[in-house]
């Protein structure tokens, strides 16, 4: 949802940025500005979201490994049969 909101905000910023600078018939340039702005903003937020989710996953894995070493929970939560 954050990526969509950032895309919309970036599109509005791109559209207004070109609209301020353009005089006369500006339909195509403002449309291009909206698409470029929306794409750049959505891509930026997507990168941050992926990095944040990867960091959270790594943090949880580290916590699970530490808990397994301390004996708080079993070392493996895999349902796979090791003899298979």
PDB file of N, CA and C in Angstrom:
ATOM      1  N   UNK A   1       0.828  -1.193   0.000  1.00  0.00           N
ATOM      2  CA  UNK A   1       0.000   0.000   0.000  1.00  0.00           C
ATOM      3  C   UNK A   1       0.870   1.254   0.000  1.00  0.00           C
ATOM      4  N   UNK A   2       1.987   1.193   0.702  1.00  0.00           N
ATOM      5  CA  UNK A   2       2.879   2.353   0.752  1.00  0.00           C
ATOM      6  C   UNK A   2       3.456   2.659  -0.625  1.00  0.00           C
ATOM      7  N   UNK A   3       3.712   1.625  -1.412  1.00  0.00           N
ATOM      8  CA  UNK A   3       4.268   1.833  -2.752  1.00  0.00           C
ATOM      9  C   UNK A   3       3.244   2.525  -3.640  1.00  0.00           C
ATOM     10  N   UNK A   4       1.983   2.135  -3.531  1.00  0.00           N
ATOM     11  CA  UNK A   4       0.927   2.765  -4.329  1.00  0.00           C
ATOM     12  C   UNK A   4       0.752   4.226  -3.929  1.00  0.00           C
ATOM     13  N   UNK A   5       0.739   4.492  -2.637  1.00  0.00           N
ATOM     14  CA  UNK A   5       0.584   5.875  -2.161  1.00  0.00           C
ATOM     15  C   UNK A   5       1.763   6.725  -2.614  1.00  0.00           C
ATOM     16  N   UNK A   6       2.970   6.182  -2.533  1.00  0.00           N
ATOM     17  CA  UNK A   6       4.145   6.925  -2.992  1.00  0.00           C
ATOM     18  C   UNK A   6       4.081   7.172  -4.490  1.00  0.00           C
ATOM     19  N   UNK A   7       3.590   6.194  -5.237  1.00  0.00           N
ATOM     20  CA  UNK A   7       3.443   6.380  -6.685  1.00  0.00           C
ATOM     21  C   UNK A   7       2.468   7.487  -7.019  1.00  0.00           C
ATOM     22  N   UNK A   8       1.364   7.529  -6.311  1.00  0.00           N
ATOM     23  CA  UNK A   8       0.376   8.597  -6.536  1.00  0.00           C
ATOM     24  C   UNK A   8       0.960   9.952  -6.164  1.00  0.00           C
ATOM     25  N   UNK A   9       1.621  10.019  -5.016  1.00  0.00           N
ATOM     26  CA  UNK A   9       2.233  11.289  -4.595  1.00  0.00           C
ATOM     27  C   UNK A   9       3.316  11.723  -5.571  1.00  0.00           C
ATOM     28  N   UNK A  10       4.139  10.782  -6.027  1.00  0.00           N
ATOM     29  CA  UNK A  10       5.177  11.115  -7.004  1.00  0.00           C
ATOM     30  C   UNK A  10       4.591  11.567  -8.322  1.00  0.00           C
ATOM     31  N   UNK A  11       3.494  10.948  -8.726  1.00  0.00           N
ATOM     32  CA  UNK A  11       2.824  11.365  -9.950  1.00  0.00           C
ATOM     33  C   UNK A  11       2.286  12.787  -9.848  1.00  0.00           C
ATOM     34  N   UNK A  12       1.704  13.105  -8.703  1.00  0.00           N
ATOM     35  CA  UNK A  12       1.202  14.472  -8.512  1.00  0.00           C
ATOM     36  C   UNK A  12       2.340  15.489  -8.476  1.00  0.00           C
ATOM     37  N   UNK A  13       3.438  15.113  -7.854  1.00  0.00           N
ATOM     38  CA  UNK A  13       4.590  16.020  -7.801  1.00  0.00           C
ATOM     39  C   UNK A  13       5.174  16.209  -9.196  1.00  0.00           C
ATOM     40  N   UNK A  14       5.336  15.102  -9.948  1.00  0.00           N
ATOM     41  CA  UNK A  14       5.853  15.206 -11.315  1.00  0.00           C
ATOM     42  C   UNK A  14       4.955  16.027 -12.213  1.00  0.00           C
ATOM     43  N   UNK A  15       3.642  15.810 -12.088  1.00  0.00           N
ATOM     44  CA  UNK A  15       2.693  16.566 -12.888  1.00  0.00           C
ATOM     45  C   UNK A  15       2.766  18.054 -12.564  1.00  0.00           C
ATOM     46  N   UNK A  16       2.768  18.401 -11.283  1.00  0.00           N
ATOM     47  CA  UNK A  16       2.788  19.819 -10.901  1.00  0.00           C
ATOM     48  C   UNK A  16       4.118  20.470 -11.237  1.00  0.00           C
ATOM     49  N   UNK A  17       5.211  19.725 -11.132  1.00  0.00           N
ATOM     50  CA  UNK A  17       6.525  20.269 -11.464  1.00  0.00           C
ATOM     51  C   UNK A  17       6.587  20.676 -12.930  1.00  0.00           C
ATOM     52  N   UNK A  18       6.082  19.841 -13.816  1.00  0.00           N
ATOM     53  CA  UNK A  18       6.086  20.162 -15.248  1.00  0.00           C
ATOM     54  C   UNK A  18       5.044  21.233 -15.544  1.00  0.00           C
ATOM     55  N   UNK A  19       3.907  21.169 -14.883  1.00  0.00           N
ATOM     56  CA  UNK A  19       2.837  22.139 -15.128  1.00  0.00           C
ATOM     57  C   UNK A  19       3.261  23.555 -14.765  1.00  0.00           C
ATOM     58  N   UNK A  20       4.070  23.705 -13.738  1.00  0.00           N
ATOM     59  CA  UNK A  20       4.553  25.030 -13.336  1.00  0.00           C
ATOM     60  C   UNK A  20       5.470  25.619 -14.401  1.00  0.00           C
ATOM     61  N   UNK A  21       6.282  24.791 -15.033  1.00  0.00           N
ATOM     62  CA  UNK A  21       7.284  25.260 -15.983  1.00  0.00           C
ATOM     63  C   UNK A  21       6.760  25.411 -17.402  1.00  0.00           C
ATOM     64  N   UNK A  22       5.656  24.766 -17.723  1.00  0.00           N
ATOM     65  CA  UNK A  22       5.188  24.705 -19.106  1.00  0.00           C
ATOM     66  C   UNK A  22       4.167  25.806 -19.395  1.00  0.00           C
ATOM     67  N   UNK A  23       4.212  26.340 -20.615  1.00  0.00           N
ATOM     68  CA  UNK A  23       3.220  27.310 -21.059  1.00  0.00           C
ATOM     69  C   UNK A  23       2.585  26.796 -22.344  1.00  0.00           C
ATOM     70  N   UNK A  24       1.324  27.120 -22.544  1.00  0.00           N
ATOM     71  CA  UNK A  24       0.630  26.669 -23.749  1.00  0.00           C
ATOM     72  C   UNK A  24       0.024  25.290 -23.551  1.00  0.00           C
ATOM     73  N   UNK A  25       0.033  24.506 -24.647  1.00  0.00           N
ATOM     74  CA  UNK A  25      -0.524  23.156 -24.610  1.00  0.00           C
ATOM     75  C   UNK A  25       0.476  22.215 -23.940  1.00  0.00           C
ATOM     76  N   UNK A  26       0.157  21.777 -22.743  1.00  0.00           N
ATOM     77  CA  UNK A  26       1.115  20.997 -21.946  1.00  0.00           C
ATOM     78  C   UNK A  26       0.579  19.638 -21.556  1.00  0.00           C
ATOM     79  N   UNK A  27      -0.350  19.095 -22.299  1.00  0.00           N
ATOM     80  CA  UNK A  27      -0.939  17.811 -21.931  1.00  0.00           C
ATOM     81  C   UNK A  27       0.068  16.676 -21.925  1.00  0.00           C
ATOM     82  N   UNK A  28       0.837  16.555 -23.001  1.00  0.00           N
ATOM     83  CA  UNK A  28       1.807  15.464 -23.094  1.00  0.00           C
ATOM     84  C   UNK A  28       2.952  15.628 -22.101  1.00  0.00           C
ATOM     85  N   UNK A  29       3.570  16.804 -22.002  1.00  0.00           N
ATOM     86  CA  UNK A  29       4.670  16.937 -21.035  1.00  0.00           C
ATOM     87  C   UNK A  29       4.240  16.713 -19.585  1.00  0.00           C
ATOM     88  N   UNK A  30       3.049  17.199 -19.211  1.00  0.00           N
ATOM     89  CA  UNK A  30       2.618  16.994 -17.832  1.00  0.00           C
ATOM     90  C   UNK A  30       2.292  15.513 -17.579  1.00  0.00           C
ATOM     91  N   UNK A  31       1.761  14.845 -18.587  1.00  0.00           N
ATOM     92  CA  UNK A  31       1.506  13.408 -18.455  1.00  0.00           C
ATOM     93  C   UNK A  31       2.801  12.626 -18.284  1.00  0.00           C
ATOM     94  N   UNK A  32       3.807  12.995 -19.075  1.00  0.00           N
ATOM     95  CA  UNK A  32       5.113  12.334 -18.956  1.00  0.00           C
ATOM     96  C   UNK A  32       5.720  12.623 -17.581  1.00  0.00           C
ATOM     97  N   UNK A  33       5.604  13.857 -17.117  1.00  0.00           N
ATOM     98  CA  UNK A  33       6.115  14.208 -15.788  1.00  0.00           C
ATOM     99  C   UNK A  33       5.428  13.410 -14.699  1.00  0.00           C
ATOM    100  N   UNK A  34       4.106  13.204 -14.844  1.00  0.00           N
ATOM    101  CA  UNK A  34       3.366  12.424 -13.842  1.00  0.00           C
ATOM    102  C   UNK A  34       3.813  10.964 -13.845  1.00  0.00           C
ATOM    103  N   UNK A  35       4.001  10.394 -15.032  1.00  0.00           N
ATOM    104  CA  UNK A  35       4.411   8.991 -15.118  1.00  0.00           C
ATOM    105  C   UNK A  35       5.829   8.806 -14.573  1.00  0.00           C
ATOM    106  N   UNK A  36       6.726   9.691 -14.962  1.00  0.00           N
ATOM    107  CA  UNK A  36       8.115   9.583 -14.501  1.00  0.00           C
ATOM    108  C   UNK A  36       8.198   9.791 -12.986  1.00  0.00           C
ATOM    109  N   UNK A  37       7.506  10.805 -12.488  1.00  0.00           N
ATOM    110  CA  UNK A  37       7.512  11.064 -11.041  1.00  0.00           C
ATOM    111  C   UNK A  37       6.911   9.918 -10.256  1.00  0.00           C
ATOM    112  N   UNK A  38       5.805   9.376 -10.724  1.00  0.00           N
ATOM    113  CA  UNK A  38       5.173   8.256 -10.039  1.00  0.00           C
ATOM    114  C   UNK A  38       6.041   7.012 -10.043  1.00  0.00           C
ATOM    115  N   UNK A  39       6.674   6.747 -11.187  1.00  0.00           N
ATOM    116  CA  UNK A  39       7.545   5.576 -11.290  1.00  0.00           C
ATOM    117  C   UNK A  39       8.752   5.699 -10.371  1.00  0.00           C
ATOM    118  N   UNK A  40       9.366   6.859 -10.358  1.00  0.00           N
ATOM    119  CA  UNK A  40      10.545   7.047  -9.511  1.00  0.00           C
ATOM    120  C   UNK A  40      10.194   6.949  -8.029  1.00  0.00           C
ATOM    121  N   UNK A  41       9.095   7.551  -7.631  1.00  0.00           N
ATOM    122  CA  UNK A  41       8.701   7.508  -6.216  1.00  0.00           C
ATOM    123  C   UNK A  41       8.330   6.095  -5.796  1.00  0.00           C
ATOM    124  N   UNK A  42       7.571   5.383  -6.635  1.00  0.00           N
ATOM    125  CA  UNK A  42       7.184   4.015  -6.293  1.00  0.00           C
ATOM    126  C   UNK A  42       8.401   3.100  -6.233  1.00  0.00           C
ATOM    127  N   UNK A  43       9.330   3.275  -7.159  1.00  0.00           N
ATOM    128  CA  UNK A  43      10.540   2.443  -7.150  1.00  0.00           C
ATOM    129  C   UNK A  43      11.381   2.710  -5.903  1.00  0.00           C
ATOM    130  N   UNK A  44      11.500   3.948  -5.504  1.00  0.00           N
ATOM    131  CA  UNK A  44      12.265   4.286  -4.309  1.00  0.00           C
ATOM    132  C   UNK A  44      11.664   3.690  -3.049  1.00  0.00           C
ATOM    133  N   UNK A  45      10.355   3.794  -2.917  1.00  0.00           N
ATOM    134  CA  UNK A  45       9.694   3.233  -1.739  1.00  0.00           C
ATOM    135  C   UNK A  45       9.758   1.705  -1.774  1.00  0.00           C
ATOM    136  N   UNK A  46       9.671   1.119  -2.962  1.00  0.00           N
ATOM    137  CA  UNK A  46       9.768  -0.339  -3.075  1.00  0.00           C
ATOM    138  C   UNK A  46      11.133  -0.836  -2.612  1.00  0.00           C
ATOM    139  N   UNK A  47      12.177  -0.130  -2.972  1.00  0.00           N
ATOM    140  CA  UNK A  47      13.527  -0.522  -2.546  1.00  0.00           C
ATOM    141  C   UNK A  47      13.640  -0.453  -1.026  1.00  0.00           C
ATOM    142  N   UNK A  48      13.143   0.617  -0.450  1.00  0.00           N
ATOM    143  CA  UNK A  48      13.205   0.766   1.011  1.00  0.00           C
ATOM    144  C   UNK A  48      12.365  -0.315   1.696  1.00  0.00           C
ATOM    145  N   UNK A  49      11.193  -0.631   1.131  1.00  0.00           N
ATOM    146  CA  UNK A  49      10.343  -1.657   1.723  1.00  0.00           C
ATOM    147  C   UNK A  49      11.008  -3.029   1.673  1.00  0.00           C
ATOM    148  N   UNK A  50      11.621  -3.368   0.545  1.00  0.00           N
ATOM    149  CA  UNK A  50      12.296  -4.661   0.427  1.00  0.00           C
ATOM    150  C   UNK A  50      13.460  -4.750   1.402  1.00  0.00           C
ATOM    151  N   UNK A  51      14.241  -3.699   1.503  1.00  0.00           N
ATOM    152  CA  UNK A  51      15.368  -3.717   2.441  1.00  0.00           C
ATOM    153  C   UNK A  51      14.889  -3.827   3.885  1.00  0.00           C
ATOM    154  N   UNK A  52      13.824  -3.137   4.212  1.00  0.00           N
ATOM    155  CA  UNK A  52      13.271  -3.223   5.561  1.00  0.00           C
ATOM    156  C   UNK A  52      12.742  -4.615   5.878  1.00  0.00           C
ATOM    157  N   UNK A  53      12.047  -5.227   4.942  1.00  0.00           N
ATOM    158  CA  UNK A  53      11.523  -6.576   5.167  1.00  0.00           C
ATOM    159  C   UNK A  53      12.644  -7.606   5.271  1.00  0.00           C
ATOM    160  N   UNK A  54      13.682  -7.448   4.470  1.00  0.00           N
ATOM    161  CA  UNK A  54      14.820  -8.365   4.568  1.00  0.00           C
ATOM    162  C   UNK A  54      15.521  -8.216   5.914  1.00  0.00           C
ATOM    163  N   UNK A  55      15.663  -6.997   6.394  1.00  0.00           N
ATOM    164  CA  UNK A  55      16.300  -6.768   7.691  1.00  0.00           C
ATOM    165  C   UNK A  55      15.462  -7.380   8.813  1.00  0.00           C
ATOM    166  N   UNK A  56      14.142  -7.246   8.727  1.00  0.00           N
ATOM    167  CA  UNK A  56      13.273  -7.834   9.743  1.00  0.00           C
ATOM    168  C   UNK A  56      13.375  -9.359   9.729  1.00  0.00           C
ATOM    169  N   UNK A  57      13.425  -9.956   8.551  1.00  0.00           N
ATOM    170  CA  UNK A  57      13.564 -11.402   8.457  1.00  0.00           C
ATOM    171  C   UNK A  57      14.884 -11.889   9.028  1.00  0.00           C
ATOM    172  N   UNK A  58      15.949 -11.155   8.742  1.00  0.00           N
ATOM    173  CA  UNK A  58      17.258 -11.530   9.270  1.00  0.00           C
ATOM    174  C   UNK A  58      17.283 -11.387  10.794  1.00  0.00           C
ATOM    175  N   UNK A  59      16.661 -10.341  11.298  1.00  0.00           N
ATOM    176  CA  UNK A  59      16.618 -10.129  12.743  1.00  0.00           C
ATOM    177  C   UNK A  59      15.874 -11.266  13.427  1.00  0.00           C
ATOM    178  N   UNK A  60      14.754 -11.694  12.853  1.00  0.00           N
ATOM    179  CA  UNK A  60      13.990 -12.795  13.434  1.00  0.00           C
ATOM    180  C   UNK A  60      14.772 -14.102  13.386  1.00  0.00           C
ATOM    181  N   UNK A  61      15.526 -14.309  12.312  1.00  0.00           N
ATOM    182  CA  UNK A  61      16.334 -15.521  12.202  1.00  0.00           C
ATOM    183  C   UNK A  61      17.431 -15.518  13.262  1.00  0.00           C
ATOM    184  N   UNK A  62      18.049 -14.385  13.476  1.00  0.00           N
ATOM    185  CA  UNK A  62      19.096 -14.279  14.503  1.00  0.00           C
ATOM    186  C   UNK A  62      18.506 -14.539  15.886  1.00  0.00           C
ATOM    187  N   UNK A  63      17.333 -13.986  16.162  1.00  0.00           N
ATOM    188  CA  UNK A  63      16.684 -14.217  17.451  1.00  0.00           C
ATOM    189  C   UNK A  63      16.324 -15.686  17.634  1.00  0.00           C
ATOM    190  N   UNK A  64      15.834 -16.329  16.567  1.00  0.00           N
ATOM    191  CA  UNK A  64      15.476 -17.748  16.658  1.00  0.00           C
ATOM    192  C   UNK A  64      16.714 -18.599  16.888  1.00  0.00           C
ATOM    193  N   UNK A  65      17.821 -18.278  16.221  1.00  0.00           N
ATOM    194  CA  UNK A  65      19.060 -19.026  16.432  1.00  0.00           C
ATOM    195  C   UNK A  65      19.576 -18.860  17.863  1.00  0.00           C
ATOM    196  N   UNK A  66      19.488 -17.646  18.380  1.00  0.00           N
ATOM    197  CA  UNK A  66      19.946 -17.391  19.748  1.00  0.00           C
ATOM    198  C   UNK A  66      19.067 -18.129  20.753  1.00  0.00           C
ATOM    199  N   UNK A  67      17.760 -18.156  20.501  1.00  0.00           N
ATOM    200  CA  UNK A  67      16.851 -18.864  21.406  1.00  0.00           C
ATOM    201  C   UNK A  67      17.095 -20.367  21.342  1.00  0.00           C
ATOM    202  N   UNK A  68      17.392 -20.876  20.152  1.00  0.00           N
ATOM    203  CA  UNK A  68      17.660 -22.313  20.009  1.00  0.00           C
ATOM    204  C   UNK A  68      18.943 -22.691  20.731  1.00  0.00           C
ATOM    205  N   UNK A  69      19.939 -21.841  20.679  1.00  0.00           N
ATOM    206  CA  UNK A  69      21.196 -22.126  21.375  1.00  0.00           C
ATOM    207  C   UNK A  69      21.022 -22.055  22.884  1.00  0.00           C
ATOM    208  N   UNK A  70      20.121 -21.205  23.325  1.00  0.00           N
ATOM    209  CA  UNK A  70      19.881 -21.079  24.758  1.00  0.00           C
ATOM    210  C   UNK A  70      18.987 -22.197  25.281  1.00  0.00           C
ATOM    211  N   UNK A  71      18.400 -22.964  24.381  1.00  0.00           N
ATOM    212  CA  UNK A  71      17.534 -24.067  24.787  1.00  0.00           C
ATOM    213  C   UNK A  71      16.099 -23.666  25.016  1.00  0.00           C
ATOM    214  N   UNK A  72      15.719 -22.469  24.587  1.00  0.00           N
ATOM    215  CA  UNK A  72      14.354 -22.005  24.791  1.00  0.00           C
ATOM    216  C   UNK A  72      13.363 -22.659  23.831  1.00  0.00           C
ATOM    217  N   UNK A  73      13.801 -23.062  22.661  1.00  0.00           N
ATOM    218  CA  UNK A  73      12.922 -23.692  21.692  1.00  0.00           C
ATOM    219  C   UNK A  73      13.733 -24.682  20.863  1.00  0.00           C
ATOM    220  N   UNK A  74      13.093 -25.580  20.160  1.00  0.00           N
ATOM    221  CA  UNK A  74      13.842 -26.559  19.367  1.00  0.00           C
ATOM    222  C   UNK A  74      14.671 -25.883  18.293  1.00  0.00           C
ATOM    223  N   UNK A  75      15.827 -26.461  17.942  1.00  0.00           N
ATOM    224  CA  UNK A  75      16.717 -25.822  16.989  1.00  0.00           C
ATOM    225  C   UNK A  75      16.155 -25.736  15.589  1.00  0.00           C
ATOM    226  N   UNK A  76      15.219 -26.590  15.225  1.00  0.00           N
ATOM    227  CA  UNK A  76      14.682 -26.572  13.877  1.00  0.00           C
ATOM    228  C   UNK A  76      13.171 -26.650  13.937  1.00  0.00           C
ATOM    229  N   UNK A  77      12.508 -25.809  13.162  1.00  0.00           N
ATOM    230  CA  UNK A  77      11.057 -25.858  13.073  1.00  0.00           C
ATOM    231  C   UNK A  77      10.627 -26.469  11.753  1.00  0.00           C
ATOM    232  N   UNK A  78      11.524 -27.146  11.073  1.00  0.00           N
ATOM    233  CA  UNK A  78      11.243 -27.754   9.778  1.00  0.00           C
ATOM    234  C   UNK A  78      10.370 -28.979   9.968  1.00  0.00           C
ATOM    235  N   UNK A  79       9.391 -29.150   9.077  1.00  0.00           N
ATOM    236  CA  UNK A  79       8.520 -30.308   9.118  1.00  0.00           C
ATOM    237  C   UNK A  79       9.030 -31.421   8.194  1.00  0.00           C
ATOM    238  N   UNK A  80      10.129 -31.212   7.561  1.00  0.00           N
ATOM    239  CA  UNK A  80      10.689 -32.183   6.614  1.00  0.00           C
ATOM    240  C   UNK A  80      11.254 -33.376   7.374  1.00  0.00           C
ATOM    241  N   UNK A  81      11.011 -34.551   6.858  1.00  0.00           N
ATOM    242  CA  UNK A  81      11.520 -35.777   7.467  1.00  0.00           C
ATOM    243  C   UNK A  81      13.002 -35.902   7.124  1.00  0.00           C
ATOM    244  N   UNK A  82      13.913 -35.915   8.108  1.00  0.00           N
ATOM    245  CA  UNK A  82      15.346 -35.942   7.798  1.00  0.00           C
ATOM    246  C   UNK A  82      15.786 -37.255   7.167  1.00  0.00           C
ATOM    247  N   UNK A  83      15.026 -38.332   7.346  1.00  0.00           N
ATOM    248  CA  UNK A  83      15.440 -39.594   6.749  1.00  0.00           C
ATOM    249  C   UNK A  83      14.944 -39.752   5.327  1.00  0.00           C
ATOM    250  N   UNK A  84      14.147 -38.793   4.826  1.00  0.00           N
ATOM    251  CA  UNK A  84      13.599 -38.895   3.473  1.00  0.00           C
ATOM    252  C   UNK A  84      14.623 -38.535   2.432  1.00  0.00           C
TER     253      UNK A  84
END
